[in-house]
Amino acid sequence: MLPHLRERMSTAELTDIGQRFLVARAEHLGDQPDDMTKADLEQQAADIDLAGASMMSQDQLQGTLEESAAV
């Protein structure tokens, strides 16, 4: 489903959906734990097609994911 969304929606629409998802997720799950493993972070990176995640340190990867979520 996600590849189809990327192909058919504008960047603004995808950003809006992403922000609404983050709000709903926080309401249901609360804040993400600070003790996420590198494997957890790599899975999140794979979910958003972030290249080079396996080459990053855990801190670099977490920072990159946080930056991409803020967009």
Protein backbone atom coordinates (compact mmCIF):
# COMPACT_ATOMS: atom_id res chain seq x y z
CA MET A 1 0.00 0.00 0.00
CA LEU A 2 2.76 2.47 0.87
CA PRO A 3 4.45 2.42 -2.54
CA HIS A 4 1.10 3.23 -4.13
CA LEU A 5 0.62 6.17 -1.77
CA ARG A 6 4.05 7.56 -2.68
CA GLU A 7 3.22 7.31 -6.37
CA ARG A 8 -0.20 8.94 -6.15
CA MET A 9 0.07 11.58 -3.43
CA SER A 10 1.95 14.85 -3.23
CA THR A 11 4.71 15.43 -0.70
CA ALA A 12 2.39 17.71 1.27
CA GLU A 13 -0.30 15.02 1.43
CA LEU A 14 2.21 12.37 2.51
CA THR A 15 3.59 14.69 5.18
CA ASP A 16 0.09 15.37 6.46
CA ILE A 17 -0.71 11.66 6.67
CA GLY A 18 2.61 11.01 8.40
CA GLN A 19 1.93 13.68 11.01
CA ARG A 20 -1.58 12.37 11.68
CA PHE A 21 -0.16 8.86 12.03
CA LEU A 22 2.42 10.05 14.57
CA VAL A 23 -0.28 11.76 16.63
CA ALA A 24 -2.51 8.66 16.59
CA ARG A 25 0.43 6.41 17.43
CA ALA A 26 1.43 8.59 20.38
CA GLU A 27 -2.15 8.54 21.67
CA HIS A 28 -2.25 4.74 21.54
CA LEU A 29 1.34 3.78 22.37
CA GLY A 30 2.80 6.79 24.13
CA ASP A 31 6.33 8.00 23.53
CA GLN A 32 8.83 5.69 21.94
CA PRO A 33 11.21 4.13 24.45
CA ASP A 34 14.76 5.45 24.57
CA ASP A 35 16.06 1.89 24.65
CA MET A 36 15.17 0.91 21.08
CA THR A 37 17.65 -1.55 19.64
CA LYS A 38 19.60 -0.91 16.46
CA ALA A 39 17.53 -3.69 14.84
CA ASP A 40 14.34 -1.77 15.76
CA LEU A 41 15.78 1.39 14.23
CA GLU A 42 16.94 -0.46 11.10
CA GLN A 43 13.41 -1.82 10.66
CA GLN A 44 12.00 1.70 10.89
CA ALA A 45 14.59 2.83 8.34
CA ALA A 46 13.58 0.00 6.00
CA ASP A 47 9.93 0.98 6.41
CA ILE A 48 10.68 4.44 5.01
CA ASP A 49 13.24 3.24 2.43
CA LEU A 50 16.12 5.02 4.18
CA ALA A 51 19.34 3.98 2.46
CA GLY A 52 22.56 3.27 4.35
CA ALA A 53 20.98 2.51 7.73
CA SER A 54 23.17 -0.54 8.36
CA MET A 55 26.29 1.61 7.92
CA MET A 56 25.20 4.16 10.55
CA SER A 57 25.84 3.96 14.26
CA GLN A 58 22.78 3.53 16.44
CA ASP A 59 22.91 7.20 17.49
CA GLN A 60 23.31 8.40 13.89
CA LEU A 61 20.42 6.23 12.76
CA GLN A 62 18.15 7.41 15.56
CA GLY A 63 18.98 11.04 14.74
CA THR A 64 18.34 10.52 11.04
CA LEU A 65 14.98 8.86 11.74
CA GLU A 66 13.98 11.69 14.08
CA GLU A 67 14.91 14.27 11.44
CA SER A 68 12.90 12.47 8.78
CA ALA A 69 9.88 12.30 11.11
CA ALA A 70 10.08 16.04 11.73
CA VAL A 71 9.76 16.85 8.03
